[in-house]
Protein backbone atom coordinates (compact mmCIF):
# COMPACT_ATOMS: atom_id res chain seq x y z
CA MET A 1 -11.71 20.09 -40.01
CA VAL A 2 -10.07 17.10 -38.41
CA ASP A 3 -6.99 19.50 -38.04
CA LYS A 4 -9.16 21.52 -35.66
CA LEU A 5 -9.56 18.56 -33.57
CA ILE A 6 -5.89 17.57 -33.52
CA THR A 7 -5.01 21.29 -32.62
CA GLN A 8 -7.52 21.35 -29.69
CA LEU A 9 -6.06 17.81 -28.62
CA ALA A 10 -2.49 19.06 -28.40
CA ARG A 11 -3.60 22.15 -26.34
CA GLU A 12 -6.11 20.50 -24.11
CA GLY A 13 -5.46 16.84 -23.83
CA GLY A 14 -8.12 14.05 -24.06
CA ALA A 15 -8.55 11.57 -27.06
CA ILE A 16 -10.01 11.85 -30.67
CA VAL A 17 -12.44 8.75 -31.24
CA SER A 18 -14.57 7.76 -34.27
CA SER A 19 -18.18 9.18 -33.95
CA ASN A 20 -19.45 5.37 -34.28
CA GLU A 21 -18.13 4.92 -30.67
CA CYS A 22 -20.10 7.51 -29.37
CA THR A 23 -23.82 7.81 -28.16
CA PRO A 24 -26.14 10.13 -30.07
CA MET A 25 -26.10 12.57 -27.16
CA GLU A 26 -22.17 12.50 -26.81
CA ILE A 27 -22.18 13.60 -30.70
CA ALA A 28 -24.79 16.17 -30.14
CA ASP A 29 -22.72 17.66 -27.27
CA ALA A 30 -19.38 17.53 -29.19
CA ARG A 31 -20.90 19.30 -31.91
CA ALA A 32 -22.73 22.04 -29.64
CA THR A 33 -18.97 22.40 -28.08
CA GLY A 34 -16.99 22.45 -31.25
CA ARG A 35 -15.40 18.96 -30.52
CA PHE A 36 -16.87 17.16 -33.63
CA ALA A 37 -15.45 17.12 -37.10
CA ALA A 38 -15.96 15.22 -40.42
CA ASP A 39 -13.49 14.17 -42.78
CA GLU A 40 -13.36 14.59 -46.89
CA HIS A 41 -15.20 10.72 -46.85
CA GLY A 42 -17.67 11.70 -44.15
CA PHE A 43 -16.22 9.99 -41.45
CA GLY A 44 -17.07 11.82 -38.05
CA TYR A 45 -14.59 12.30 -35.28
CA VAL A 46 -15.20 13.19 -31.81
CA LEU A 47 -12.67 14.94 -29.22
CA ARG A 48 -13.41 13.50 -26.04
CA THR A 49 -11.97 15.74 -23.31
CA ARG A 50 -9.44 14.74 -20.39
CA GLU A 51 -12.31 15.27 -18.01
CA TRP A 52 -14.71 12.65 -19.80
CA LEU A 53 -11.83 10.14 -20.10
CA ALA A 54 -11.22 10.54 -16.00
CA LEU A 55 -14.90 10.03 -15.44
CA GLN A 56 -15.06 6.88 -17.53
CA LYS A 57 -12.05 5.44 -15.60
CA ALA A 58 -13.77 6.28 -12.50
CA ARG A 59 -16.75 4.52 -13.45
CA PHE A 60 -14.81 1.44 -14.69
CA GLU A 61 -12.98 1.26 -11.45
CA PHE A 62 -15.86 1.40 -9.30
CA GLN A 63 -17.82 -1.13 -11.33
CA THR A 64 -14.83 -3.64 -11.29
CA GLN A 65 -14.66 -3.46 -7.44
CA ALA A 66 -18.32 -3.91 -7.20
CA ALA A 67 -18.31 -6.98 -9.40
CA ALA A 68 -15.40 -8.43 -7.24
CA ASP A 69 -17.29 -7.62 -4.13
CA ALA A 70 -20.26 -9.66 -5.62
CA LEU A 71 -17.93 -12.54 -6.56
CA VAL A 72 -16.65 -12.69 -2.84
CA LEU A 73 -20.28 -12.95 -1.47
CA CYS A 74 -21.14 -15.68 -3.86
CA HIS A 75 -18.09 -17.59 -2.77
CA LYS A 76 -19.13 -17.09 0.93
CA ILE A 77 -22.40 -18.27 0.47
CA GLU A 78 -20.82 -21.44 -1.30
CA GLU A 79 -18.42 -22.02 1.27
CA CYS A 80 -21.07 -22.02 4.16
CA GLY A 81 -23.40 -24.10 2.21
CA CYS A 82 -26.72 -22.05 3.10
CA SER A 83 -29.26 -21.83 0.72
CA PRO A 84 -30.88 -18.51 1.00
CA THR A 85 -34.53 -18.27 1.07
CA LEU A 86 -36.49 -16.25 -1.54
CA THR A 87 -36.61 -13.44 0.71
CA GLU A 88 -32.96 -13.40 1.56
CA ALA A 89 -31.97 -13.94 -2.04
CA SER A 90 -34.01 -11.04 -2.93
CA ILE A 91 -32.65 -8.75 -0.27
CA LEU A 92 -28.97 -10.21 -1.87
CA ALA A 93 -30.03 -9.40 -5.35
CA SER A 94 -31.18 -5.88 -4.37
CA ASN A 95 -27.96 -5.05 -2.64
CA LEU A 96 -25.86 -6.53 -5.47
CA ARG A 97 -28.16 -4.02 -7.68
CA ALA A 98 -27.36 -1.29 -5.76
CA LYS A 99 -23.65 -2.02 -5.52
CA LEU A 100 -23.31 -2.23 -9.33
CA ALA A 101 -25.11 1.15 -9.70
CA CYS A 102 -22.38 3.57 -10.27
CA PRO A 103 -22.90 6.94 -8.01
CA ILE A 104 -20.36 8.53 -10.17
CA ALA A 105 -22.60 10.65 -12.48
């Protein structure tokens, strides 16, 4: 069974990972699309597609940039020595939450 995943990997690209690294939804999807296999010891493996890997990379890059932007904002607040009101702090927190929410679905 695992040989099938290796053949798919060679043909389509992507990555083979332990099913332990996957969410239950990802495992269910992999089973439904023929990208799941178990070895003779019962260990499960999932073939993550090239597209899936690209999406994860895009999400990571977006969140890294959002975190960097948030850090810059914190430094600017410290530099100006201002102490935001509760309302201003709430608005900043809301903006930060929006920035950290990844729009890439």
